[in-house]
Amino acid sequence: LALLKGEDNSYVLKLKAFWRLKQNDYESAALFLNEVLRKNENDLEAGINMAILEIKTSQIPKAKKRLARLREIYPENALIPELIQKLK
């Protein structure tokens, strides 16, 4: 997929980040997610995965802030309130 779409394609970067998250390689996952968010700070999938990464790395205030912002942008998304509730 990277050969077809390019290494810096947001979808490719999100797939790489998701795989790194599953492998508990949070540092690499953060690099890929930050690249996606640098291109589009409102990317829902990257934002949620970054919040999950922040939760897993005990950066709770950052995760709360990110999720609150995403909730404003995507009020119809059901996963965001679930994540917010888990942080309480």
Protein backbone atom coordinates (compact mmCIF):
# COMPACT_ATOMS: atom_id res chain seq x y z
CA LEU A 1 0.00 0.00 0.00
CA ALA A 2 2.85 2.35 0.81
CA LEU A 3 4.28 1.74 -2.66
CA LEU A 4 0.97 2.68 -4.28
CA LYS A 5 -0.06 5.59 -2.10
CA GLY A 6 3.32 6.81 -0.86
CA GLU A 7 5.08 6.53 2.47
CA ASP A 8 3.74 9.89 3.67
CA ASN A 9 0.10 9.17 2.80
CA SER A 10 -2.10 9.80 5.85
CA TYR A 11 -3.90 6.48 5.53
CA VAL A 12 -0.60 4.60 5.33
CA LEU A 13 0.74 6.51 8.34
CA LYS A 14 -2.40 5.73 10.36
CA LEU A 15 -2.08 2.02 9.53
CA LYS A 16 1.56 2.05 10.63
CA ALA A 17 0.64 3.88 13.83
CA PHE A 18 -2.18 1.45 14.61
CA TRP A 19 0.16 -1.51 14.12
CA ARG A 20 2.75 0.11 16.41
CA LEU A 21 0.06 0.73 19.04
CA LYS A 22 -0.90 -2.95 18.91
CA GLN A 23 2.79 -3.83 19.41
CA ASN A 24 3.02 -1.45 22.41
CA ASP A 25 5.62 0.59 20.52
CA TYR A 26 4.18 3.90 21.67
CA GLU A 27 7.15 6.01 20.63
CA SER A 28 6.93 4.93 16.98
CA ALA A 29 3.14 5.14 16.99
CA ALA A 30 3.35 8.72 18.28
CA LEU A 31 5.73 9.68 15.47
CA PHE A 32 3.33 8.41 12.81
CA LEU A 33 0.26 9.94 14.48
CA ASN A 34 1.98 13.28 14.93
CA GLU A 35 2.79 13.32 11.23
CA VAL A 36 -0.86 12.74 10.35
CA LEU A 37 -2.02 15.36 12.84
CA ARG A 38 0.55 17.83 11.52
CA LYS A 39 -1.13 17.51 8.11
CA ASN A 40 -4.68 17.58 9.49
CA GLU A 41 -5.12 18.41 13.17
CA ASN A 42 -8.80 17.44 12.94
CA ASP A 43 -8.23 13.87 11.72
CA LEU A 44 -10.68 11.84 13.80
CA GLU A 45 -8.96 8.46 13.64
CA ALA A 46 -5.49 9.85 14.35
CA GLY A 47 -6.85 11.99 17.17
CA ILE A 48 -8.61 9.09 18.86
CA ASN A 49 -5.57 6.85 18.50
CA MET A 50 -3.33 9.60 19.89
CA ALA A 51 -5.69 9.97 22.88
CA ILE A 52 -5.52 6.21 23.44
CA LEU A 53 -1.73 6.39 23.26
CA GLU A 54 -1.75 9.27 25.76
CA ILE A 55 -3.95 7.25 28.11
CA LYS A 56 -1.66 4.22 27.85
CA THR A 57 1.38 6.41 28.60
CA SER A 58 -0.28 8.14 31.59
CA GLN A 59 -0.68 11.49 29.87
CA ILE A 60 -4.26 11.78 31.09
CA PRO A 61 -4.59 15.60 30.99
CA LYS A 62 -3.43 15.63 27.36
CA ALA A 63 -5.86 12.84 26.48
CA LYS A 64 -8.76 14.64 28.18
CA LYS A 65 -7.99 17.86 26.32
CA ARG A 66 -7.68 16.05 22.99
CA LEU A 67 -10.92 14.13 23.49
CA ALA A 68 -12.82 17.26 24.54
CA ARG A 69 -11.67 19.00 21.37
CA LEU A 70 -12.59 16.00 19.20
CA ARG A 71 -16.02 15.86 20.85
CA GLU A 72 -16.66 19.46 19.81
CA ILE A 73 -15.64 18.73 16.22
CA TYR A 74 -17.34 15.32 15.96
CA PRO A 75 -20.38 15.43 18.30
CA GLU A 76 -21.98 12.44 16.54
CA ASN A 77 -19.06 10.09 17.26
CA ALA A 78 -19.97 7.47 19.88
CA LEU A 79 -16.43 6.38 20.79
CA ILE A 80 -15.28 9.77 22.07
CA PRO A 81 -17.80 9.98 24.96
CA GLU A 82 -16.97 6.37 25.89
CA LEU A 83 -13.27 7.23 26.17
CA ILE A 84 -14.05 10.38 28.14
CA GLN A 85 -16.20 8.36 30.53
CA LYS A 86 -13.41 5.84 31.10
CA LEU A 87 -11.13 8.68 32.17
CA LYS A 88 -13.44 9.69 35.01
